[in-house]
PDB file of N, CA and C in Angstrom:
ATOM      1  N   MET A   1      18.011 -70.242 -19.232  1.00  0.00           N
ATOM      2  CA  MET A   1      18.281 -69.385 -20.365  1.00  0.00           C
ATOM      3  C   MET A   1      18.291 -67.918 -19.944  1.00  0.00           C
ATOM      4  N   ALA A   2      17.347 -67.501 -19.102  1.00  0.00           N
ATOM      5  CA  ALA A   2      17.284 -66.107 -18.680  1.00  0.00           C
ATOM      6  C   ALA A   2      18.466 -65.751 -17.798  1.00  0.00           C
ATOM      7  N   ASN A   3      18.988 -66.708 -17.041  1.00  0.00           N
ATOM      8  CA  ASN A   3      20.119 -66.451 -16.170  1.00  0.00           C
ATOM      9  C   ASN A   3      21.382 -66.171 -16.980  1.00  0.00           C
ATOM     10  N   SER A   4      21.517 -66.752 -18.163  1.00  0.00           N
ATOM     11  CA  SER A   4      22.701 -66.519 -18.987  1.00  0.00           C
ATOM     12  C   SER A   4      22.634 -65.178 -19.711  1.00  0.00           C
ATOM     13  N   ARG A   5      21.475 -64.570 -19.780  1.00  0.00           N
ATOM     14  CA  ARG A   5      21.348 -63.277 -20.446  1.00  0.00           C
ATOM     15  C   ARG A   5      21.626 -62.098 -19.521  1.00  0.00           C
ATOM     16  N   LEU A   6      21.600 -62.345 -18.219  1.00  0.00           N
ATOM     17  CA  LEU A   6      21.837 -61.280 -17.249  1.00  0.00           C
ATOM     18  C   LEU A   6      23.232 -60.659 -17.390  1.00  0.00           C
ATOM     19  N   PRO A   7      24.312 -61.444 -17.483  1.00  0.00           N
ATOM     20  CA  PRO A   7      25.632 -60.823 -17.653  1.00  0.00           C
ATOM     21  C   PRO A   7      25.759 -60.046 -18.969  1.00  0.00           C
ATOM     22  N   ILE A   8      25.091 -60.513 -20.000  1.00  0.00           N
ATOM     23  CA  ILE A   8      25.136 -59.826 -21.291  1.00  0.00           C
ATOM     24  C   ILE A   8      24.450 -58.471 -21.191  1.00  0.00           C
ATOM     25  N   ALA A   9      23.265 -58.462 -20.603  1.00  0.00           N
ATOM     26  CA  ALA A   9      22.544 -57.198 -20.447  1.00  0.00           C
ATOM     27  C   ALA A   9      23.297 -56.236 -19.538  1.00  0.00           C
ATOM     28  N   LEU A  10      23.876 -56.768 -18.479  1.00  0.00           N
ATOM     29  CA  LEU A  10      24.639 -55.932 -17.557  1.00  0.00           C
ATOM     30  C   LEU A  10      25.872 -55.345 -18.242  1.00  0.00           C
ATOM     31  N   ALA A  11      26.549 -56.135 -19.054  1.00  0.00           N
ATOM     32  CA  ALA A  11      27.717 -55.644 -19.780  1.00  0.00           C
ATOM     33  C   ALA A  11      27.338 -54.529 -20.749  1.00  0.00           C
ATOM     34  N   ILE A  12      26.206 -54.657 -21.411  1.00  0.00           N
ATOM     35  CA  ILE A  12      25.766 -53.626 -22.348  1.00  0.00           C
ATOM     36  C   ILE A  12      25.398 -52.344 -21.613  1.00  0.00           C
ATOM     37  N   VAL A  13      24.690 -52.469 -20.498  1.00  0.00           N
ATOM     38  CA  VAL A  13      24.291 -51.280 -19.737  1.00  0.00           C
ATOM     39  C   VAL A  13      25.517 -50.550 -19.182  1.00  0.00           C
ATOM     40  N   VAL A  14      26.455 -51.299 -18.621  1.00  0.00           N
ATOM     41  CA  VAL A  14      27.665 -50.677 -18.081  1.00  0.00           C
ATOM     42  C   VAL A  14      28.510 -50.080 -19.213  1.00  0.00           C
ATOM     43  N   GLY A  15      28.561 -50.739 -20.357  1.00  0.00           N
ATOM     44  CA  GLY A  15      29.297 -50.205 -21.503  1.00  0.00           C
ATOM     45  C   GLY A  15      28.728 -48.880 -21.992  1.00  0.00           C
ATOM     46  N   VAL A  16      27.415 -48.797 -22.072  1.00  0.00           N
ATOM     47  CA  VAL A  16      26.784 -47.538 -22.485  1.00  0.00           C
ATOM     48  C   VAL A  16      27.052 -46.443 -21.448  1.00  0.00           C
ATOM     49  N   ALA A  17      26.986 -46.796 -20.166  1.00  0.00           N
ATOM     50  CA  ALA A  17      27.271 -45.818 -19.112  1.00  0.00           C
ATOM     51  C   ALA A  17      28.708 -45.321 -19.203  1.00  0.00           C
ATOM     52  N   LEU A  18      29.636 -46.212 -19.511  1.00  0.00           N
ATOM     53  CA  LEU A  18      31.031 -45.794 -19.649  1.00  0.00           C
ATOM     54  C   LEU A  18      31.237 -44.896 -20.868  1.00  0.00           C
ATOM     55  N   LEU A  19      30.472 -45.111 -21.919  1.00  0.00           N
ATOM     56  CA  LEU A  19      30.557 -44.203 -23.068  1.00  0.00           C
ATOM     57  C   LEU A  19      30.065 -42.801 -22.696  1.00  0.00           C
ATOM     58  N   VAL A  20      29.037 -42.738 -21.876  1.00  0.00           N
ATOM     59  CA  VAL A  20      28.552 -41.442 -21.390  1.00  0.00           C
ATOM     60  C   VAL A  20      29.608 -40.772 -20.513  1.00  0.00           C
ATOM     61  N   VAL A  21      30.236 -41.552 -19.645  1.00  0.00           N
ATOM     62  CA  VAL A  21      31.302 -41.021 -18.789  1.00  0.00           C
ATOM     63  C   VAL A  21      32.459 -40.507 -19.646  1.00  0.00           C
ATOM     64  N   ALA A  22      32.812 -41.234 -20.683  1.00  0.00           N
ATOM     65  CA  ALA A  22      33.883 -40.785 -21.580  1.00  0.00           C
ATOM     66  C   ALA A  22      33.513 -39.470 -22.252  1.00  0.00           C
ATOM     67  N   GLY A  23      32.274 -39.318 -22.646  1.00  0.00           N
ATOM     68  CA  GLY A  23      31.829 -38.059 -23.231  1.00  0.00           C
ATOM     69  C   GLY A  23      31.936 -36.905 -22.255  1.00  0.00           C
ATOM     70  N   VAL A  24      31.627 -37.159 -21.001  1.00  0.00           N
ATOM     71  CA  VAL A  24      31.759 -36.112 -19.979  1.00  0.00           C
ATOM     72  C   VAL A  24      33.231 -35.740 -19.808  1.00  0.00           C
ATOM     73  N   TYR A  25      34.102 -36.738 -19.774  1.00  0.00           N
ATOM     74  CA  TYR A  25      35.533 -36.454 -19.639  1.00  0.00           C
ATOM     75  C   TYR A  25      36.057 -35.646 -20.822  1.00  0.00           C
ATOM     76  N   PHE A  26      35.583 -35.939 -22.027  1.00  0.00           N
ATOM     77  CA  PHE A  26      36.021 -35.185 -23.197  1.00  0.00           C
ATOM     78  C   PHE A  26      35.478 -33.754 -23.188  1.00  0.00           C
ATOM     79  N   ALA A  27      34.251 -33.584 -22.729  1.00  0.00           N
ATOM     80  CA  ALA A  27      33.570 -32.301 -22.867  1.00  0.00           C
ATOM     81  C   ALA A  27      33.862 -31.309 -21.748  1.00  0.00           C
ATOM     82  N   GLU A  28      34.075 -31.803 -20.540  1.00  0.00           N
ATOM     83  CA  GLU A  28      34.187 -30.917 -19.382  1.00  0.00           C
ATOM     84  C   GLU A  28      35.616 -30.841 -18.873  1.00  0.00           C
ATOM     85  N   PRO A  29      36.059 -29.650 -18.463  1.00  0.00           N
ATOM     86  CA  PRO A  29      37.361 -29.554 -17.799  1.00  0.00           C
ATOM     87  C   PRO A  29      37.285 -30.146 -16.394  1.00  0.00           C
ATOM     88  N   ALA A  30      38.437 -30.354 -15.778  1.00  0.00           N
ATOM     89  CA  ALA A  30      38.487 -31.034 -14.476  1.00  0.00           C
ATOM     90  C   ALA A  30      37.699 -30.297 -13.400  1.00  0.00           C
ATOM     91  N   LYS A  31      37.655 -28.979 -13.475  1.00  0.00           N
ATOM     92  CA  LYS A  31      36.922 -28.246 -12.437  1.00  0.00           C
ATOM     93  C   LYS A  31      35.405 -28.367 -12.594  1.00  0.00           C
ATOM     94  N   SER A  32      34.929 -28.752 -13.772  1.00  0.00           N
ATOM     95  CA  SER A  32      33.496 -28.875 -14.007  1.00  0.00           C
ATOM     96  C   SER A  32      32.987 -30.310 -13.886  1.00  0.00           C
ATOM     97  N   LEU A  33      33.890 -31.252 -13.640  1.00  0.00           N
ATOM     98  CA  LEU A  33      33.463 -32.636 -13.484  1.00  0.00           C
ATOM     99  C   LEU A  33      32.663 -32.797 -12.205  1.00  0.00           C
ATOM    100  N   PRO A  34      31.730 -33.751 -12.183  1.00  0.00           N
ATOM    101  CA  PRO A  34      31.043 -34.046 -10.917  1.00  0.00           C
ATOM    102  C   PRO A  34      32.072 -34.473  -9.865  1.00  0.00           C
ATOM    103  N   SER A  35      31.809 -34.170  -8.629  1.00  0.00           N
ATOM    104  CA  SER A  35      32.798 -34.405  -7.579  1.00  0.00           C
ATOM    105  C   SER A  35      33.098 -35.884  -7.353  1.00  0.00           C
ATOM    106  N   PHE A  36      32.211 -36.773  -7.762  1.00  0.00           N
ATOM    107  CA  PHE A  36      32.457 -38.201  -7.564  1.00  0.00           C
ATOM    108  C   PHE A  36      33.265 -38.819  -8.700  1.00  0.00           C
ATOM    109  N   PHE A  37      33.574 -38.042  -9.750  1.00  0.00           N
ATOM    110  CA  PHE A  37      34.407 -38.543 -10.836  1.00  0.00           C
ATOM    111  C   PHE A  37      35.876 -38.487 -10.417  1.00  0.00           C
ATOM    112  N   PRO A  38      36.656 -39.528 -10.726  1.00  0.00           N
ATOM    113  CA  PRO A  38      38.099 -39.435 -10.491  1.00  0.00           C
ATOM    114  C   PRO A  38      38.690 -38.329 -11.365  1.00  0.00           C
ATOM    115  N   GLY A  39      39.562 -37.536 -10.797  1.00  0.00           N
ATOM    116  CA  GLY A  39      40.193 -36.469 -11.541  1.00  0.00           C
ATOM    117  C   GLY A  39      39.565 -35.110 -11.331  1.00  0.00           C
ATOM    118  N   HIS A  40      38.511 -35.030 -10.528  1.00  0.00           N
ATOM    119  CA  HIS A  40      37.878 -33.744 -10.246  1.00  0.00           C
ATOM    120  C   HIS A  40      38.848 -32.880  -9.449  1.00  0.00           C
ATOM    121  N   SER A  41      39.050 -31.654  -9.890  1.00  0.00           N
ATOM    122  CA  SER A  41      39.903 -30.701  -9.189  1.00  0.00           C
ATOM    123  C   SER A  41      39.261 -29.330  -9.322  1.00  0.00           C
ATOM    124  N   ALA A  42      39.136 -28.633  -8.222  1.00  0.00           N
ATOM    125  CA  ALA A  42      38.443 -27.345  -8.216  1.00  0.00           C
ATOM    126  C   ALA A  42      39.208 -26.268  -8.970  1.00  0.00           C
ATOM    127  N   THR A  43      40.511 -26.433  -9.157  1.00  0.00           N
ATOM    128  CA  THR A  43      41.305 -25.380  -9.794  1.00  0.00           C
ATOM    129  C   THR A  43      41.820 -25.751 -11.181  1.00  0.00           C
ATOM    130  N   ALA A  44      41.768 -27.008 -11.573  1.00  0.00           N
ATOM    131  CA  ALA A  44      42.339 -27.430 -12.853  1.00  0.00           C
ATOM    132  C   ALA A  44      41.417 -27.066 -14.013  1.00  0.00           C
ATOM    133  N   THR A  45      42.011 -26.659 -15.116  1.00  0.00           N
ATOM    134  CA  THR A  45      41.237 -26.311 -16.310  1.00  0.00           C
ATOM    135  C   THR A  45      41.491 -27.282 -17.463  1.00  0.00           C
ATOM    136  N   THR A  46      42.222 -28.356 -17.210  1.00  0.00           N
ATOM    137  CA  THR A  46      42.543 -29.301 -18.280  1.00  0.00           C
ATOM    138  C   THR A  46      41.458 -30.368 -18.395  1.00  0.00           C
ATOM    139  N   HIS A  47      41.433 -31.025 -19.546  1.00  0.00           N
ATOM    140  CA  HIS A  47      40.532 -32.147 -19.778  1.00  0.00           C
ATOM    141  C   HIS A  47      41.285 -33.440 -19.467  1.00  0.00           C
ATOM    142  N   HIS A  48      40.577 -34.436 -19.001  1.00  0.00           N
ATOM    143  CA  HIS A  48      41.191 -35.721 -18.676  1.00  0.00           C
ATOM    144  C   HIS A  48      40.988 -36.679 -19.849  1.00  0.00           C
ATOM    145  N   ILE A  49      41.824 -36.528 -20.856  1.00  0.00           N
ATOM    146  CA  ILE A  49      41.717 -37.334 -22.076  1.00  0.00           C
ATOM    147  C   ILE A  49      42.035 -38.803 -21.786  1.00  0.00           C
ATOM    148  N   LYS A  50      43.012 -39.065 -20.928  1.00  0.00           N
ATOM    149  CA  LYS A  50      43.375 -40.457 -20.629  1.00  0.00           C
ATOM    150  C   LYS A  50      42.225 -41.187 -19.933  1.00  0.00           C
ATOM    151  N   HIS A  51      41.526 -40.489 -19.036  1.00  0.00           N
ATOM    152  CA  HIS A  51      40.368 -41.101 -18.389  1.00  0.00           C
ATOM    153  C   HIS A  51      39.303 -41.462 -19.430  1.00  0.00           C
ATOM    154  N   ALA A  52      39.102 -40.577 -20.386  1.00  0.00           N
ATOM    155  CA  ALA A  52      38.110 -40.825 -21.430  1.00  0.00           C
ATOM    156  C   ALA A  52      38.503 -42.016 -22.298  1.00  0.00           C
ATOM    157  N   ILE A  53      39.784 -42.099 -22.651  1.00  0.00           N
ATOM    158  CA  ILE A  53      40.254 -43.204 -23.493  1.00  0.00           C
ATOM    159  C   ILE A  53      40.108 -44.534 -22.766  1.00  0.00           C
ATOM    160  N   VAL A  54      40.431 -44.569 -21.481  1.00  0.00           N
ATOM    161  CA  VAL A  54      40.279 -45.802 -20.709  1.00  0.00           C
ATOM    162  C   VAL A  54      38.801 -46.183 -20.599  1.00  0.00           C
ATOM    163  N   SER A  55      37.928 -45.206 -20.419  1.00  0.00           N
ATOM    164  CA  SER A  55      36.489 -45.495 -20.364  1.00  0.00           C
ATOM    165  C   SER A  55      36.006 -46.106 -21.667  1.00  0.00           C
ATOM    166  N   ILE A  56      36.469 -45.580 -22.780  1.00  0.00           N
ATOM    167  CA  ILE A  56      36.085 -46.116 -24.090  1.00  0.00           C
ATOM    168  C   ILE A  56      36.635 -47.530 -24.273  1.00  0.00           C
ATOM    169  N   ALA A  57      37.873 -47.763 -23.841  1.00  0.00           N
ATOM    170  CA  ALA A  57      38.474 -49.091 -23.991  1.00  0.00           C
ATOM    171  C   ALA A  57      37.732 -50.141 -23.162  1.00  0.00           C
ATOM    172  N   VAL A  58      37.373 -49.804 -21.936  1.00  0.00           N
ATOM    173  CA  VAL A  58      36.637 -50.752 -21.095  1.00  0.00           C
ATOM    174  C   VAL A  58      35.238 -50.979 -21.664  1.00  0.00           C
ATOM    175  N   ALA A  59      34.601 -49.931 -22.174  1.00  0.00           N
ATOM    176  CA  ALA A  59      33.285 -50.090 -22.801  1.00  0.00           C
ATOM    177  C   ALA A  59      33.387 -51.009 -24.016  1.00  0.00           C
ATOM    178  N   ALA A  60      34.424 -50.837 -24.819  1.00  0.00           N
ATOM    179  CA  ALA A  60      34.605 -51.708 -25.984  1.00  0.00           C
ATOM    180  C   ALA A  60      34.812 -53.154 -25.558  1.00  0.00           C
ATOM    181  N   ALA A  61      35.583 -53.371 -24.492  1.00  0.00           N
ATOM    182  CA  ALA A  61      35.799 -54.738 -24.000  1.00  0.00           C
ATOM    183  C   ALA A  61      34.486 -55.361 -23.518  1.00  0.00           C
ATOM    184  N   LEU A  62      33.653 -54.570 -22.861  1.00  0.00           N
ATOM    185  CA  LEU A  62      32.358 -55.085 -22.412  1.00  0.00           C
ATOM    186  C   LEU A  62      31.447 -55.409 -23.595  1.00  0.00           C
ATOM    187  N   PHE A  63      31.479 -54.579 -24.639  1.00  0.00           N
ATOM    188  CA  PHE A  63      30.665 -54.856 -25.823  1.00  0.00           C
ATOM    189  C   PHE A  63      31.146 -56.115 -26.539  1.00  0.00           C
ATOM    190  N   VAL A  64      32.463 -56.321 -26.600  1.00  0.00           N
ATOM    191  CA  VAL A  64      33.007 -57.538 -27.217  1.00  0.00           C
ATOM    192  C   VAL A  64      32.592 -58.763 -26.404  1.00  0.00           C
ATOM    193  N   PHE A  65      32.666 -58.656 -25.078  1.00  0.00           N
ATOM    194  CA  PHE A  65      32.203 -59.758 -24.230  1.00  0.00           C
ATOM    195  C   PHE A  65      30.735 -60.073 -24.509  1.00  0.00           C
ATOM    196  N   ALA A  66      29.901 -59.048 -24.570  1.00  0.00           N
ATOM    197  CA  ALA A  66      28.471 -59.262 -24.810  1.00  0.00           C
ATOM    198  C   ALA A  66      28.234 -59.887 -26.188  1.00  0.00           C
ATOM    199  N   TRP A  67      29.020 -59.473 -27.170  1.00  0.00           N
ATOM    200  CA  TRP A  67      28.874 -60.001 -28.515  1.00  0.00           C
ATOM    201  C   TRP A  67      29.211 -61.501 -28.548  1.00  0.00           C
ATOM    202  N   PHE A  68      30.350 -61.861 -27.956  1.00  0.00           N
ATOM    203  CA  PHE A  68      30.744 -63.265 -27.974  1.00  0.00           C
ATOM    204  C   PHE A  68      29.865 -64.122 -27.068  1.00  0.00           C
ATOM    205  N   ALA A  69      29.422 -63.569 -25.963  1.00  0.00           N
ATOM    206  CA  ALA A  69      28.581 -64.337 -25.044  1.00  0.00           C
ATOM    207  C   ALA A  69      27.179 -64.564 -25.602  1.00  0.00           C
ATOM    208  N   SER A  70      26.741 -63.712 -26.514  1.00  0.00           N
ATOM    209  CA  SER A  70      25.397 -63.853 -27.063  1.00  0.00           C
ATOM    210  C   SER A  70      25.372 -64.656 -28.362  1.00  0.00           C
ATOM    211  N   GLY A  71      26.518 -65.159 -28.766  1.00  0.00           N
ATOM    212  CA  GLY A  71      26.581 -65.958 -29.985  1.00  0.00           C
ATOM    213  C   GLY A  71      25.909 -67.308 -29.820  1.00  0.00           C
ATOM    214  N   PRO A  72      25.798 -68.063 -30.910  1.00  0.00           N
ATOM    215  CA  PRO A  72      25.147 -69.375 -30.819  1.00  0.00           C
ATOM    216  C   PRO A  72      25.974 -70.331 -29.972  1.00  0.00           C
ATOM    217  N   ARG A  73      25.292 -71.207 -29.259  1.00  0.00           N
ATOM    218  CA  ARG A  73      25.948 -72.191 -28.410  1.00  0.00           C
ATOM    219  C   ARG A  73      26.452 -73.358 -29.274  1.00  0.00           C
ATOM    220  N   ARG A  74      27.643 -73.798 -28.985  1.00  0.00           N
ATOM    221  CA  ARG A  74      28.198 -74.925 -29.715  1.00  0.00           C
ATOM    222  C   ARG A  74      27.723 -76.219 -29.064  1.00  0.00           C
ATOM    223  N   ASP A  75      27.187 -77.129 -29.857  1.00  0.00           N
ATOM    224  CA  ASP A  75      26.682 -78.392 -29.344  1.00  0.00           C
ATOM    225  C   ASP A  75      27.835 -79.387 -29.293  1.00  0.00           C
ATOM    226  N   THR A  76      28.312 -79.719 -28.106  1.00  0.00           N
ATOM    227  CA  THR A  76      29.441 -80.641 -27.969  1.00  0.00           C
ATOM    228  C   THR A  76      29.021 -82.104 -28.033  1.00  0.00           C
ATOM    229  N   ALA A  77      27.742 -82.403 -27.885  1.00  0.00           N
ATOM    230  CA  ALA A  77      27.278 -83.792 -27.935  1.00  0.00           C
ATOM    231  C   ALA A  77      27.252 -84.330 -29.353  1.00  0.00           C
ATOM    232  N   ALA A  78      27.298 -83.485 -30.361  1.00  0.00           N
ATOM    233  CA  ALA A  78      27.211 -83.923 -31.748  1.00  0.00           C
ATOM    234  C   ALA A  78      28.526 -84.501 -32.240  1.00  0.00           C
ATOM    235  N   ARG A  79      29.613 -84.302 -31.526  1.00  0.00           N
ATOM    236  CA  ARG A  79      30.913 -84.792 -31.988  1.00  0.00           C
ATOM    237  C   ARG A  79      31.060 -86.221 -31.742  1.00  0.00           C
TER     238      ARG A  79
END
């Protein structure tokens, strides 16, 4: 039982982290992003809105996975 909860917990943690990353992409221009973020440029002053939208979409997909994976188990022996 505990082994089946590990992917759910991991999906939730990664989803929350991606929401934080999306917030950074929305809030900071490209020159202010951490250097390990994709899209960091020392001279650019634009925001990476597409990166933020993709981060939100992947986070939503992970939350949907966690929601469906944590649902009740269907008993196939009862049929």
